[in-house]
Amino acid sequence: MPVVASYMYRSGKRAEEIPLAAKPFEASGSDFAWIGLTEPTKQEMADLQAMFALHPLAVEDALNGNQVPKVDIYGDQLFVIVKTAHLEGDKITYGETCIFVGKHHLISVRHGSARSHKELRQHLEQSPQLLEHGPDYVLHGIIDFVVDGYLPVVETLEDKVLELEKHVLVSFLQPEQIRRIFRMRRHVIRFQRVLGPMGEVAGKLTHLELPCIDDNAKPFFKDVLDHVRRVEGLVGGLREIMTSVFEASNLLEQQRQGTITRQLAAWAAILAVPTAIAGIYGMNFEHMPELATRYGYFAVLGVIATLCSILYWRFKRSGWL
């Protein structure tokens, strides 16, 4: 059902349900309507446009569902877009929440968001002293709810990256694990591109003079801005961890390859001794020293064994073997 909830709030408390109808909405004093929709139809948005005098461009953006976070001003109304995020495996999946804010109404339109506002609505309804102030406090609640959803995403990704980091210290990364790191890094970079505009949205709501935003509500939006900056810091650190995991893997692999190369070089040097001596005596010249010696064969074997032992001892001492 596209219309999740549609209620009138009077003195901070839920009053009656509001049906969607293509006729102007009327309210007075501190009364306001809070309407929540998910994946609405064009007809439903047209009814809302007629009820609350929504701007056509804002309605078009809300139906599109593929916008960047932003704050637009249309006369005495605000139109705010925020991005939701949740994890599906290693992938960060995004949704979108479009919010129309007027003096006597707040309309939220969700696209692709995995988290319902039901819990948020129940929480705010438990604080009628805040709801009594109007839609700007509900706007803060929705944006804060969205931003709080970022933290579990970052923490889960961080745990996964730290597991890979532990694996790097004991064995080589497999090709699939390397591809996994690069996929997660790509998602983290895209997440950073979402956090930048989200910070701008919170900053505008905090510092600018905007319609429907009371000065008393601005400290609440500043708190949201602090949360966004905190998540930005965590994401930046996560990106550095991913880079360090890959660099550590490369360094350890180079070190292991260097160790193997030194071992091969040491054994090659040891084997070069009998190879050289055998090569010399295999040249089949008639006049060569020790050819007629009775114990020459055993003497040569002794020389080979002695030289190979000396080389093995020197390489072992230097750490090549």
C-alpha atoms as a PDB file:
ATOM      1  CA  MET A   1       0.000   0.000   0.000  1.00  0.00           C
ATOM      2  CA  PRO A   2       1.701   3.282  -1.103  1.00  0.00           C
ATOM      3  CA  VAL A   3       0.072   5.391   1.642  1.00  0.00           C
ATOM      4  CA  VAL A   4       1.693   4.150   4.853  1.00  0.00           C
ATOM      5  CA  ALA A   5       0.248   6.729   7.263  1.00  0.00           C
ATOM      6  CA  SER A   6      -1.739   9.957   6.987  1.00  0.00           C
ATOM      7  CA  TYR A   7      -2.682  11.731  10.217  1.00  0.00           C
ATOM      8  CA  MET A   8      -3.460  15.150  11.592  1.00  0.00           C
ATOM      9  CA  TYR A   9      -1.500  16.193  14.679  1.00  0.00           C
ATOM     10  CA  ARG A  10      -3.040  18.641  17.083  1.00  0.00           C
ATOM     11  CA  SER A  11      -1.105  20.006  20.089  1.00  0.00           C
ATOM     12  CA  GLY A  12       1.577  17.412  19.414  1.00  0.00           C
ATOM     13  CA  LYS A  13      -0.799  14.461  19.550  1.00  0.00           C
ATOM     14  CA  ARG A  14      -2.246  12.305  16.821  1.00  0.00           C
ATOM     15  CA  ALA A  15      -5.808  13.336  16.025  1.00  0.00           C
ATOM     16  CA  GLU A  16      -7.776  12.037  13.052  1.00  0.00           C
ATOM     17  CA  GLU A  17      -6.712  10.244   9.887  1.00  0.00           C
ATOM     18  CA  ILE A  18      -6.525  12.362   6.717  1.00  0.00           C
ATOM     19  CA  PRO A  19      -7.796  10.871   3.448  1.00  0.00           C
ATOM     20  CA  LEU A  20      -6.046  11.846   0.222  1.00  0.00           C
ATOM     21  CA  ALA A  21      -8.339  14.031  -1.856  1.00  0.00           C
ATOM     22  CA  ALA A  22      -7.800  16.514  -4.657  1.00  0.00           C
ATOM     23  CA  LYS A  23      -8.959  19.509  -2.621  1.00  0.00           C
ATOM     24  CA  PRO A  24      -7.083  22.111  -0.538  1.00  0.00           C
ATOM     25  CA  PHE A  25      -6.043  21.092   2.957  1.00  0.00           C
ATOM     26  CA  GLU A  26      -6.980  23.418   5.797  1.00  0.00           C
ATOM     27  CA  ALA A  27      -5.336  23.675   9.224  1.00  0.00           C
ATOM     28  CA  SER A  28      -4.871  26.321  11.877  1.00  0.00           C
ATOM     29  CA  GLY A  29      -2.641  27.097  14.819  1.00  0.00           C
ATOM     30  CA  SER A  30      -0.067  24.400  15.489  1.00  0.00           C
ATOM     31  CA  ASP A  31      -2.035  21.688  13.685  1.00  0.00           C
ATOM     32  CA  PHE A  32      -0.183  19.897  10.905  1.00  0.00           C
ATOM     33  CA  ALA A  33      -0.492  16.819   8.737  1.00  0.00           C
ATOM     34  CA  TRP A  34       2.184  14.131   8.566  1.00  0.00           C
ATOM     35  CA  ILE A  35       1.727  11.883   5.567  1.00  0.00           C
ATOM     36  CA  GLY A  36       4.053   9.020   4.705  1.00  0.00           C
ATOM     37  CA  LEU A  37       4.099   7.263   1.327  1.00  0.00           C
ATOM     38  CA  THR A  38       6.254   4.627  -0.285  1.00  0.00           C
ATOM     39  CA  GLU A  39       6.553   4.280  -4.069  1.00  0.00           C
ATOM     40  CA  PRO A  40       3.461   6.471  -4.703  1.00  0.00           C
ATOM     41  CA  THR A  41       1.541   6.563  -7.962  1.00  0.00           C
ATOM     42  CA  LYS A  42       1.197   9.658 -10.133  1.00  0.00           C
ATOM     43  CA  GLN A  43      -2.449  10.000  -9.121  1.00  0.00           C
ATOM     44  CA  GLU A  44      -1.588  10.000  -5.428  1.00  0.00           C
ATOM     45  CA  MET A  45       1.076  12.644  -5.963  1.00  0.00           C
ATOM     46  CA  ALA A  46      -1.394  14.681  -8.033  1.00  0.00           C
ATOM     47  CA  ASP A  47      -3.890  14.541  -5.131  1.00  0.00           C
ATOM     48  CA  LEU A  48      -1.202  15.689  -2.705  1.00  0.00           C
ATOM     49  CA  GLN A  49      -0.190  18.457  -5.077  1.00  0.00           C
ATOM     50  CA  ALA A  50      -3.770  19.733  -5.121  1.00  0.00           C
ATOM     51  CA  MET A  51      -4.172  19.395  -1.344  1.00  0.00           C
ATOM     52  CA  PHE A  52      -0.973  21.161  -0.272  1.00  0.00           C
ATOM     53  CA  ALA A  53      -0.091  23.328  -3.312  1.00  0.00           C
ATOM     54  CA  LEU A  54       3.138  21.409  -3.949  1.00  0.00           C
ATOM     55  CA  HIS A  55       5.424  22.734  -6.644  1.00  0.00           C
ATOM     56  CA  PRO A  56       5.309  20.700  -9.897  1.00  0.00           C
ATOM     57  CA  LEU A  57       9.102  20.412 -10.114  1.00  0.00           C
ATOM     58  CA  ALA A  58       9.272  19.024  -6.588  1.00  0.00           C
ATOM     59  CA  VAL A  59       6.502  16.545  -7.370  1.00  0.00           C
ATOM     60  CA  GLU A  60       8.381  15.453 -10.498  1.00  0.00           C
ATOM     61  CA  ASP A  61      11.590  14.885  -8.488  1.00  0.00           C
ATOM     62  CA  ALA A  62       9.672  12.915  -5.863  1.00  0.00           C
ATOM     63  CA  LEU A  63       8.222  10.614  -8.524  1.00  0.00           C
ATOM     64  CA  ASN A  64      11.578  10.184 -10.234  1.00  0.00           C
ATOM     65  CA  GLY A  65      13.299   8.660  -7.209  1.00  0.00           C
ATOM     66  CA  ASN A  66      16.818   9.138  -8.560  1.00  0.00           C
ATOM     67  CA  GLN A  67      18.056  12.454  -7.197  1.00  0.00           C
ATOM     68  CA  VAL A  68      21.021  13.654  -5.153  1.00  0.00           C
ATOM     69  CA  PRO A  69      20.514  14.953  -1.601  1.00  0.00           C
ATOM     70  CA  LYS A  70      19.466  18.599  -1.727  1.00  0.00           C
ATOM     71  CA  VAL A  71      17.329  21.370  -0.247  1.00  0.00           C
ATOM     72  CA  ASP A  72      15.055  23.379  -2.572  1.00  0.00           C
ATOM     73  CA  ILE A  73      12.897  26.361  -1.654  1.00  0.00           C
ATOM     74  CA  TYR A  74       9.533  26.817  -3.371  1.00  0.00           C
ATOM     75  CA  GLY A  75       7.847  29.919  -1.996  1.00  0.00           C
ATOM     76  CA  ASP A  76       6.973  29.255   1.626  1.00  0.00           C
ATOM     77  CA  GLN A  77       7.666  25.506   1.334  1.00  0.00           C
ATOM     78  CA  LEU A  78      10.788  23.354   1.503  1.00  0.00           C
ATOM     79  CA  PHE A  79      11.622  20.281  -0.543  1.00  0.00           C
ATOM     80  CA  VAL A  80      14.358  18.064   0.925  1.00  0.00           C
ATOM     81  CA  ILE A  81      15.877  14.890  -0.531  1.00  0.00           C
ATOM     82  CA  VAL A  82      18.010  12.536   1.576  1.00  0.00           C
ATOM     83  CA  LYS A  83      19.655   9.221   0.707  1.00  0.00           C
ATOM     84  CA  THR A  84      19.151   6.083   2.760  1.00  0.00           C
ATOM     85  CA  ALA A  85      21.720   3.274   2.770  1.00  0.00           C
ATOM     86  CA  HIS A  86      21.762  -0.375   3.818  1.00  0.00           C
ATOM     87  CA  LEU A  87      23.986  -3.382   3.190  1.00  0.00           C
ATOM     88  CA  GLU A  88      23.193  -6.329   0.955  1.00  0.00           C
ATOM     89  CA  GLY A  89      26.172  -8.633   1.416  1.00  0.00           C
ATOM     90  CA  ASP A  90      29.190  -6.435   0.647  1.00  0.00           C
ATOM     91  CA  LYS A  91      27.167  -4.005  -1.450  1.00  0.00           C
ATOM     92  CA  ILE A  92      25.787  -0.702  -0.198  1.00  0.00           C
ATOM     93  CA  THR A  93      22.297  -0.248  -1.604  1.00  0.00           C
ATOM     94  CA  TYR A  94      20.684   3.174  -1.650  1.00  0.00           C
ATOM     95  CA  GLY A  95      17.167   4.417  -1.266  1.00  0.00           C
ATOM     96  CA  GLU A  96      15.721   7.893  -1.333  1.00  0.00           C
ATOM     97  CA  THR A  97      13.374   9.857   0.879  1.00  0.00           C
ATOM     98  CA  CYS A  98      11.780  13.034  -0.484  1.00  0.00           C
ATOM     99  CA  ILE A  99      10.257  15.382   2.081  1.00  0.00           C
ATOM    100  CA  PHE A 100       7.800  18.210   1.440  1.00  0.00           C
ATOM    101  CA  VAL A 101       7.664  20.664   4.340  1.00  0.00           C
ATOM    102  CA  GLY A 102       5.103  23.412   4.790  1.00  0.00           C
ATOM    103  CA  LYS A 103       3.783  25.370   7.720  1.00  0.00           C
ATOM    104  CA  HIS A 104       0.993  22.853   8.314  1.00  0.00           C
ATOM    105  CA  HIS A 105       2.213  19.706   6.582  1.00  0.00           C
ATOM    106  CA  LEU A 106       5.075  17.265   6.160  1.00  0.00           C
ATOM    107  CA  ILE A 107       4.944  14.628   3.422  1.00  0.00           C
ATOM    108  CA  SER A 108       7.623  11.931   3.147  1.00  0.00           C
ATOM    109  CA  VAL A 109       7.963   9.858  -0.028  1.00  0.00           C
ATOM    110  CA  ARG A 110      10.224   6.811   0.185  1.00  0.00           C
ATOM    111  CA  HIS A 111      11.855   4.985  -2.724  1.00  0.00           C
ATOM    112  CA  GLY A 112      13.866   1.803  -2.200  1.00  0.00           C
ATOM    113  CA  SER A 113      14.351   2.354   1.512  1.00  0.00           C
ATOM    114  CA  ALA A 114      14.573  -0.797   3.618  1.00  0.00           C
ATOM    115  CA  ARG A 115      13.692   0.980   6.880  1.00  0.00           C
ATOM    116  CA  SER A 116      10.118   2.007   7.580  1.00  0.00           C
ATOM    117  CA  HIS A 117       9.282   5.239   9.417  1.00  0.00           C
ATOM    118  CA  LYS A 118       6.812   3.430  11.664  1.00  0.00           C
ATOM    119  CA  GLU A 119       9.309   3.133  14.514  1.00  0.00           C
ATOM    120  CA  LEU A 120      10.289   6.794  14.094  1.00  0.00           C
ATOM    121  CA  ARG A 121       6.666   7.926  14.121  1.00  0.00           C
ATOM    122  CA  GLN A 122       5.990   5.981  17.310  1.00  0.00           C
ATOM    123  CA  HIS A 123       9.085   7.454  18.935  1.00  0.00           C
ATOM    124  CA  LEU A 124       8.135  11.041  18.051  1.00  0.00           C
ATOM    125  CA  GLU A 125       4.555  10.533  19.156  1.00  0.00           C
ATOM    126  CA  GLN A 126       5.919   9.738  22.601  1.00  0.00           C
ATOM    127  CA  SER A 127       7.258  13.322  22.753  1.00  0.00           C
ATOM    128  CA  PRO A 128       4.217  15.517  22.041  1.00  0.00           C
ATOM    129  CA  GLN A 129       6.057  18.546  23.437  1.00  0.00           C
ATOM    130  CA  LEU A 130       8.370  18.342  20.428  1.00  0.00           C
ATOM    131  CA  LEU A 131       5.712  17.480  17.860  1.00  0.00           C
ATOM    132  CA  GLU A 132       3.789  20.489  19.068  1.00  0.00           C
ATOM    133  CA  HIS A 133       6.485  22.719  17.568  1.00  0.00           C
ATOM    134  CA  GLY A 134       5.559  21.641  14.051  1.00  0.00           C
ATOM    135  CA  PRO A 135       6.835  19.915  10.916  1.00  0.00           C
ATOM    136  CA  ASP A 136      10.444  21.144  11.232  1.00  0.00           C
ATOM    137  CA  TYR A 137      10.973  18.854  14.229  1.00  0.00           C
ATOM    138  CA  VAL A 138       9.557  15.939  12.254  1.00  0.00           C
ATOM    139  CA  LEU A 139      11.924  16.849   9.412  1.00  0.00           C
ATOM    140  CA  HIS A 140      14.819  16.678  11.856  1.00  0.00           C
ATOM    141  CA  GLY A 141      13.592  13.313  13.125  1.00  0.00           C
ATOM    142  CA  ILE A 142      13.458  11.824   9.614  1.00  0.00           C
ATOM    143  CA  ILE A 143      16.907  13.093   8.581  1.00  0.00           C
ATOM    144  CA  ASP A 144      18.429  11.979  11.889  1.00  0.00           C
ATOM    145  CA  PHE A 145      16.778   8.563  11.420  1.00  0.00           C
ATOM    146  CA  VAL A 146      18.330   8.266   7.954  1.00  0.00           C
ATOM    147  CA  VAL A 147      21.807   9.346   9.073  1.00  0.00           C
ATOM    148  CA  ASP A 148      21.750   7.001  12.075  1.00  0.00           C
ATOM    149  CA  GLY A 149      21.223   4.171   9.581  1.00  0.00           C
ATOM    150  CA  TYR A 150      24.645   4.914   8.057  1.00  0.00           C
ATOM    151  CA  LEU A 151      26.613   3.857  11.137  1.00  0.00           C
ATOM    152  CA  PRO A 152      25.719   0.110  11.067  1.00  0.00           C
ATOM    153  CA  VAL A 153      26.684   0.038   7.378  1.00  0.00           C
ATOM    154  CA  VAL A 154      30.146   1.419   8.098  1.00  0.00           C
ATOM    155  CA  GLU A 155      30.689  -0.762  11.179  1.00  0.00           C
ATOM    156  CA  THR A 156      29.704  -3.962   9.330  1.00  0.00           C
ATOM    157  CA  LEU A 157      32.026  -3.152   6.420  1.00  0.00           C
ATOM    158  CA  GLU A 158      34.809  -2.348   8.857  1.00  0.00           C
ATOM    159  CA  ASP A 159      34.424  -5.754  10.545  1.00  0.00           C
ATOM    160  CA  LYS A 160      34.622  -7.482   7.162  1.00  0.00           C
ATOM    161  CA  VAL A 161      37.752  -5.555   6.175  1.00  0.00           C
ATOM    162  CA  LEU A 162      39.436  -6.310   9.515  1.00  0.00           C
ATOM    163  CA  GLU A 163      38.765 -10.021   8.946  1.00  0.00           C
ATOM    164  CA  LEU A 164      40.571  -9.760   5.613  1.00  0.00           C
ATOM    165  CA  GLU A 165      43.385  -7.890   7.344  1.00  0.00           C
ATOM    166  CA  LYS A 166      43.843 -10.805   9.787  1.00  0.00           C
ATOM    167  CA  HIS A 167      43.885 -13.233   6.852  1.00  0.00           C
ATOM    168  CA  VAL A 168      46.626 -11.225   5.124  1.00  0.00           C
ATOM    169  CA  LEU A 169      48.996 -11.729   8.055  1.00  0.00           C
ATOM    170  CA  VAL A 170      48.892 -15.518   7.835  1.00  0.00           C
ATOM    171  CA  SER A 171      48.503 -16.327   4.131  1.00  0.00           C
ATOM    172  CA  PHE A 172      48.287 -14.925   0.641  1.00  0.00           C
ATOM    173  CA  LEU A 173      45.099 -13.206  -0.494  1.00  0.00           C
ATOM    174  CA  GLN A 174      43.270 -15.236  -3.086  1.00  0.00           C
ATOM    175  CA  PRO A 175      42.226 -13.517  -6.351  1.00  0.00           C
ATOM    176  CA  GLU A 176      38.568 -13.492  -5.245  1.00  0.00           C
ATOM    177  CA  GLN A 177      39.514 -11.817  -1.967  1.00  0.00           C
ATOM    178  CA  ILE A 178      41.460  -9.137  -3.824  1.00  0.00           C
ATOM    179  CA  ARG A 179      38.478  -8.534  -6.110  1.00  0.00           C
ATOM    180  CA  ARG A 180      36.263  -8.353  -2.997  1.00  0.00           C
ATOM    181  CA  ILE A 181      38.437  -5.627  -1.462  1.00  0.00           C
ATOM    182  CA  PHE A 182      38.274  -3.590  -4.647  1.00  0.00           C
ATOM    183  CA  ARG A 183      34.471  -3.996  -4.823  1.00  0.00           C
ATOM    184  CA  MET A 184      34.060  -2.838  -1.233  1.00  0.00           C
ATOM    185  CA  ARG A 185      36.445   0.050  -1.836  1.00  0.00           C
ATOM    186  CA  ARG A 186      34.383   1.105  -4.847  1.00  0.00           C
ATOM    187  CA  HIS A 187      31.202   1.065  -2.738  1.00  0.00           C
ATOM    188  CA  VAL A 188      32.906   3.071   0.009  1.00  0.00           C
ATOM    189  CA  ILE A 189      34.028   5.725  -2.489  1.00  0.00           C
ATOM    190  CA  ARG A 190      30.483   6.013  -3.782  1.00  0.00           C
ATOM    191  CA  PHE A 191      29.232   6.266  -0.202  1.00  0.00           C
ATOM    192  CA  GLN A 192      31.594   9.200   0.351  1.00  0.00           C
ATOM    193  CA  ARG A 193      29.976  10.915  -2.636  1.00  0.00           C
ATOM    194  CA  VAL A 194      26.603  10.540  -0.916  1.00  0.00           C
ATOM    195  CA  LEU A 195      27.849  11.803   2.444  1.00  0.00           C
ATOM    196  CA  GLY A 196      29.139  15.054   0.932  1.00  0.00           C
ATOM    197  CA  PRO A 197      25.706  16.276  -0.276  1.00  0.00           C
ATOM    198  CA  MET A 198      24.094  14.953   2.919  1.00  0.00           C
ATOM    199  CA  GLY A 199      26.446  17.164   4.905  1.00  0.00           C
ATOM    200  CA  GLU A 200      25.466  20.111   2.705  1.00  0.00           C
ATOM    201  CA  VAL A 201      21.772  19.435   3.374  1.00  0.00           C
ATOM    202  CA  ALA A 202      22.328  19.379   7.142  1.00  0.00           C
ATOM    203  CA  GLY A 203      24.546  22.471   6.880  1.00  0.00           C
ATOM    204  CA  LYS A 204      21.908  24.468   4.998  1.00  0.00           C
ATOM    205  CA  LEU A 205      19.211  23.513   7.492  1.00  0.00           C
ATOM    206  CA  THR A 206      21.550  24.569  10.293  1.00  0.00           C
ATOM    207  CA  HIS A 207      22.918  27.875   9.011  1.00  0.00           C
ATOM    208  CA  LEU A 208      20.506  29.328   6.441  1.00  0.00           C
ATOM    209  CA  GLU A 209      17.282  31.214   6.999  1.00  0.00           C
ATOM    210  CA  LEU A 210      14.738  28.865   5.448  1.00  0.00           C
ATOM    211  CA  PRO A 211      10.941  28.831   5.421  1.00  0.00           C
ATOM    212  CA  CYS A 212       9.280  26.439   7.885  1.00  0.00           C
ATOM    213  CA  ILE A 213      12.512  26.079   9.917  1.00  0.00           C
ATOM    214  CA  ASP A 214      12.315  27.695  13.329  1.00  0.00           C
ATOM    215  CA  ASP A 215      15.511  29.039  14.913  1.00  0.00           C
ATOM    216  CA  ASN A 216      14.901  26.814  17.925  1.00  0.00           C
ATOM    217  CA  ALA A 217      15.087  23.753  15.662  1.00  0.00           C
ATOM    218  CA  LYS A 218      18.502  24.625  14.193  1.00  0.00           C
ATOM    219  CA  PRO A 219      20.537  23.102  17.056  1.00  0.00           C
ATOM    220  CA  PHE A 220      18.829  19.792  16.272  1.00  0.00           C
ATOM    221  CA  PHE A 221      19.978  19.998  12.632  1.00  0.00           C
ATOM    222  CA  LYS A 222      23.490  20.892  13.828  1.00  0.00           C
ATOM    223  CA  ASP A 223      23.473  17.618  15.754  1.00  0.00           C
ATOM    224  CA  VAL A 224      22.592  15.814  12.509  1.00  0.00           C
ATOM    225  CA  LEU A 225      25.459  17.635  10.774  1.00  0.00           C
ATOM    226  CA  ASP A 226      27.824  16.388  13.487  1.00  0.00           C
ATOM    227  CA  HIS A 227      26.575  12.835  12.912  1.00  0.00           C
ATOM    228  CA  VAL A 228      27.217  13.127   9.172  1.00  0.00           C
ATOM    229  CA  ARG A 229      30.747  14.390   9.787  1.00  0.00           C
ATOM    230  CA  ARG A 230      31.376  11.550  12.196  1.00  0.00           C
ATOM    231  CA  VAL A 231      30.300   9.009   9.588  1.00  0.00           C
ATOM    232  CA  GLU A 232      32.488  10.790   7.002  1.00  0.00           C
ATOM    233  CA  GLY A 233      35.462  10.379   9.329  1.00  0.00           C
ATOM    234  CA  LEU A 234      34.716   6.686   9.839  1.00  0.00           C
ATOM    235  CA  VAL A 235      34.343   6.120   6.095  1.00  0.00           C
ATOM    236  CA  GLY A 236      37.630   7.904   5.423  1.00  0.00           C
ATOM    237  CA  GLY A 237      39.324   5.669   7.988  1.00  0.00           C
ATOM    238  CA  LEU A 238      37.690   2.582   6.459  1.00  0.00           C
ATOM    239  CA  ARG A 239      39.001   3.531   3.042  1.00  0.00           C
ATOM    240  CA  GLU A 240      42.520   3.890   4.469  1.00  0.00           C
ATOM    241  CA  ILE A 241      42.221   0.461   6.114  1.00  0.00           C
ATOM    242  CA  MET A 242      41.254  -1.082   2.769  1.00  0.00           C
ATOM    243  CA  THR A 243      44.253   0.558   1.113  1.00  0.00           C
ATOM    244  CA  SER A 244      46.573  -0.608   3.901  1.00  0.00           C
ATOM    245  CA  VAL A 245      45.251  -4.186   3.636  1.00  0.00           C
ATOM    246  CA  PHE A 246      46.072  -4.289  -0.049  1.00  0.00           C
ATOM    247  CA  GLU A 247      49.482  -2.636   0.469  1.00  0.00           C
ATOM    248  CA  ALA A 248      50.310  -5.008   3.340  1.00  0.00           C
ATOM    249  CA  SER A 249      49.356  -7.954   1.154  1.00  0.00           C
ATOM    250  CA  ASN A 250      51.678  -6.705  -1.592  1.00  0.00           C
ATOM    251  CA  LEU A 251      54.549  -6.078   0.835  1.00  0.00           C
ATOM    252  CA  LEU A 252      54.221  -9.502   2.459  1.00  0.00           C
ATOM    253  CA  GLU A 253      54.022 -11.179  -0.915  1.00  0.00           C
ATOM    254  CA  GLN A 254      57.122  -9.318  -2.090  1.00  0.00           C
ATOM    255  CA  GLN A 255      58.906 -10.333   1.107  1.00  0.00           C
ATOM    256  CA  ARG A 256      57.945 -13.986   0.600  1.00  0.00           C
ATOM    257  CA  GLN A 257      59.040 -13.846  -3.022  1.00  0.00           C
ATOM    258  CA  GLY A 258      62.337 -12.279  -1.918  1.00  0.00           C
ATOM    259  CA  THR A 259      62.873 -15.086   0.598  1.00  0.00           C
ATOM    260  CA  ILE A 260      62.191 -17.726  -2.045  1.00  0.00           C
ATOM    261  CA  THR A 261      64.513 -15.956  -4.487  1.00  0.00           C
ATOM    262  CA  ARG A 262      67.353 -15.894  -1.923  1.00  0.00           C
ATOM    263  CA  GLN A 263      66.832 -19.585  -1.156  1.00  0.00           C
ATOM    264  CA  LEU A 264      66.934 -20.490  -4.826  1.00  0.00           C
ATOM    265  CA  ALA A 265      70.051 -18.371  -5.319  1.00  0.00           C
ATOM    266  CA  ALA A 266      71.759 -20.036  -2.334  1.00  0.00           C
ATOM    267  CA  TRP A 267      70.996 -23.559  -3.564  1.00  0.00           C
ATOM    268  CA  ALA A 268      72.088 -22.586  -7.076  1.00  0.00           C
ATOM    269  CA  ALA A 269      75.426 -21.381  -5.690  1.00  0.00           C
ATOM    270  CA  ILE A 270      75.877 -24.615  -3.717  1.00  0.00           C
ATOM    271  CA  LEU A 271      75.031 -26.777  -6.742  1.00  0.00           C
ATOM    272  CA  ALA A 272      77.400 -24.725  -8.893  1.00  0.00           C
ATOM    273  CA  VAL A 273      80.416 -26.217  -7.065  1.00  0.00           C
ATOM    274  CA  PRO A 274      79.924 -29.888  -8.078  1.00  0.00           C
ATOM    275  CA  THR A 275      78.659 -28.763 -11.455  1.00  0.00           C
ATOM    276  CA  ALA A 276      81.843 -26.780 -12.117  1.00  0.00           C
ATOM    277  CA  ILE A 277      84.173 -29.511 -10.919  1.00  0.00           C
ATOM    278  CA  ALA A 278      82.294 -32.222 -12.821  1.00  0.00           C
ATOM    279  CA  GLY A 279      82.296 -30.021 -15.905  1.00  0.00           C
ATOM    280  CA  ILE A 280      86.042 -29.548 -15.746  1.00  0.00           C
ATOM    281  CA  TYR A 281      86.762 -33.266 -15.389  1.00  0.00           C
ATOM    282  CA  GLY A 282      84.286 -34.059 -18.122  1.00  0.00           C
ATOM    283  CA  MET A 283      86.279 -32.254 -20.809  1.00  0.00           C
ATOM    284  CA  ASN A 284      88.130 -35.504 -21.707  1.00  0.00           C
ATOM    285  CA  PHE A 285      91.633 -34.038 -22.032  1.00  0.00           C
ATOM    286  CA  GLU A 286      94.389 -36.636 -21.846  1.00  0.00           C
ATOM    287  CA  HIS A 287      96.757 -34.685 -19.612  1.00  0.00           C
ATOM    288  CA  MET A 288      94.773 -33.530 -16.579  1.00  0.00           C
ATOM    289  CA  PRO A 289      96.013 -33.510 -12.983  1.00  0.00           C
ATOM    290  CA  GLU A 290      94.954 -36.301 -10.642  1.00  0.00           C
ATOM    291  CA  LEU A 291      93.470 -38.457 -13.422  1.00  0.00           C
ATOM    292  CA  ALA A 292      95.881 -41.276 -12.657  1.00  0.00           C
ATOM    293  CA  THR A 293      95.755 -40.843  -8.893  1.00  0.00           C
ATOM    294  CA  ARG A 294      94.430 -43.932  -7.126  1.00  0.00           C
ATOM    295  CA  TYR A 295      92.277 -41.993  -4.647  1.00  0.00           C
ATOM    296  CA  GLY A 296      91.583 -38.980  -6.878  1.00  0.00           C
ATOM    297  CA  TYR A 297      87.883 -39.780  -7.199  1.00  0.00           C
ATOM    298  CA  PHE A 298      87.370 -39.795  -3.456  1.00  0.00           C
ATOM    299  CA  ALA A 299      89.516 -36.699  -3.037  1.00  0.00           C
ATOM    300  CA  VAL A 300      87.378 -34.782  -5.514  1.00  0.00           C
ATOM    301  CA  LEU A 301      84.191 -35.921  -3.788  1.00  0.00           C
ATOM    302  CA  GLY A 302      85.663 -34.748  -0.479  1.00  0.00           C
ATOM    303  CA  VAL A 303      86.532 -31.356  -1.951  1.00  0.00           C
ATOM    304  CA  ILE A 304      82.993 -31.024  -3.349  1.00  0.00           C
ATOM    305  CA  ALA A 305      81.413 -31.999  -0.023  1.00  0.00           C
ATOM    306  CA  THR A 306      83.682 -29.612   1.905  1.00  0.00           C
ATOM    307  CA  LEU A 307      82.983 -26.642  -0.369  1.00  0.00           C
ATOM    308  CA  CYS A 308      79.226 -27.315  -0.413  1.00  0.00           C
ATOM    309  CA  SER A 309      79.174 -27.592   3.389  1.00  0.00           C
ATOM    310  CA  ILE A 310      81.035 -24.294   3.771  1.00  0.00           C
ATOM    311  CA  LEU A 311      78.615 -22.556   1.400  1.00  0.00           C
ATOM    312  CA  TYR A 312      75.600 -24.058   3.170  1.00  0.00           C
ATOM    313  CA  TRP A 313      76.928 -22.862   6.545  1.00  0.00           C
ATOM    314  CA  ARG A 314      77.540 -19.331   5.249  1.00  0.00           C
ATOM    315  CA  PHE A 315      74.089 -19.041   3.637  1.00  0.00           C
ATOM    316  CA  LYS A 316      72.411 -20.475   6.733  1.00  0.00           C
ATOM    317  CA  ARG A 317      74.232 -18.005   8.924  1.00  0.00           C
ATOM    318  CA  SER A 318      73.226 -15.059   6.750  1.00  0.00           C
ATOM    319  CA  GLY A 319      69.551 -16.130   6.766  1.00  0.00           C
ATOM    320  CA  TRP A 320      69.314 -17.123   3.117  1.00  0.00           C
ATOM    321  CA  LEU A 321      68.503 -20.720   4.006  1.00  0.00           C
END
